[in-house]
Amino acid sequence: AKDKSNKSYLESAGFHYISLDYDSPEAMILVDAHSLPIKDLSIDCLVNLAVMEHIEFPYIAGREFYRILKYNGRM
């Protein structure tokens, strides 16, 4: 239910929603936050809910988030 409310909220704000996760069966794409399969500077908005405390190397994941966000992107 949480995923659906996040999706509705972000789509109502005009964003295209894609859910990523490491092992959730509800995720649209399974990924490792240390190496995201997303083009540089291609994401307008990144929502990171209860993620960083589960990541082995949060600094590396943070660099990945920065890499994929557009210059005027929001996190």
Protein backbone atom coordinates (compact mmCIF):
# COMPACT_ATOMS: atom_id res chain seq x y z
CA ALA A 1 0.00 0.00 0.00
CA LYS A 2 2.87 2.39 0.77
CA ASP A 3 4.28 1.92 -2.74
CA LYS A 4 0.91 2.78 -4.29
CA SER A 5 0.53 5.97 -2.24
CA ASN A 6 4.06 7.08 -3.17
CA LYS A 7 3.31 6.37 -6.82
CA SER A 8 0.02 8.33 -6.73
CA TYR A 9 1.65 11.27 -4.97
CA LEU A 10 4.61 11.49 -7.36
CA GLU A 11 2.51 11.02 -10.48
CA SER A 12 0.10 13.73 -9.30
CA ALA A 13 3.15 16.03 -9.08
CA GLY A 14 3.92 15.26 -12.73
CA PHE A 15 6.70 12.70 -12.33
CA HIS A 16 7.00 9.33 -14.08
CA TYR A 17 7.25 6.74 -11.28
CA ILE A 18 9.74 3.87 -11.28
CA SER A 19 10.34 1.85 -8.11
CA LEU A 20 13.77 0.36 -7.44
CA ASP A 21 14.80 -1.99 -4.65
CA TYR A 22 17.44 -4.54 -3.79
CA ASP A 23 15.13 -7.48 -3.09
CA SER A 24 11.47 -6.40 -2.90
CA PRO A 25 9.08 -8.45 -5.05
CA GLU A 26 7.03 -5.25 -5.46
CA ALA A 27 9.89 -3.29 -7.06
CA MET A 28 9.72 -2.60 -10.77
CA ILE A 29 13.51 -2.96 -11.09
CA LEU A 30 15.93 -4.77 -8.78
CA VAL A 31 19.18 -2.83 -8.29
CA ASP A 32 22.19 -2.33 -6.08
CA ALA A 33 22.28 1.30 -4.88
CA HIS A 34 26.09 1.24 -5.14
CA SER A 35 25.84 0.91 -8.95
CA LEU A 36 22.57 2.12 -10.43
CA PRO A 37 21.80 1.14 -14.05
CA ILE A 38 20.58 4.66 -14.86
CA LYS A 39 22.07 7.27 -17.19
CA ASP A 40 23.93 10.25 -15.77
CA LEU A 41 21.83 13.36 -15.18
CA SER A 42 18.57 11.66 -16.22
CA ILE A 43 16.36 11.77 -13.11
CA ASP A 44 14.18 14.76 -12.12
CA CYS A 45 13.19 13.52 -8.66
CA LEU A 46 14.61 10.79 -6.44
CA VAL A 47 12.75 9.67 -3.32
CA ASN A 48 14.85 7.76 -0.81
CA LEU A 49 12.67 6.38 2.01
CA ALA A 50 14.31 4.31 4.76
CA VAL A 51 17.20 3.29 2.52
CA MET A 52 20.52 4.71 3.67
CA GLU A 53 20.64 2.84 6.98
CA HIS A 54 20.48 -0.45 5.06
CA ILE A 55 23.23 0.33 2.55
CA GLU A 56 26.71 -1.04 3.20
CA PHE A 57 28.50 2.00 1.75
CA PRO A 58 26.10 4.98 1.94
CA TYR A 59 28.69 7.41 0.57
CA ILE A 60 28.92 5.39 -2.66
CA ALA A 61 25.12 5.22 -2.95
CA GLY A 62 24.94 8.98 -2.35
CA ARG A 63 27.39 9.54 -5.20
CA GLU A 64 25.18 7.39 -7.42
CA PHE A 65 22.12 9.45 -6.47
CA TYR A 66 24.02 12.64 -7.29
CA ARG A 67 25.24 11.16 -10.60
CA ILE A 68 21.77 10.28 -11.88
CA LEU A 69 19.99 13.44 -10.74
CA LYS A 70 19.64 16.27 -13.25
CA TYR A 71 21.29 19.54 -12.27
CA ASN A 72 17.94 20.92 -11.10
CA GLY A 73 16.80 17.55 -9.77
CA ARG A 74 15.27 17.06 -6.35
CA MET A 75 15.93 14.41 -3.77
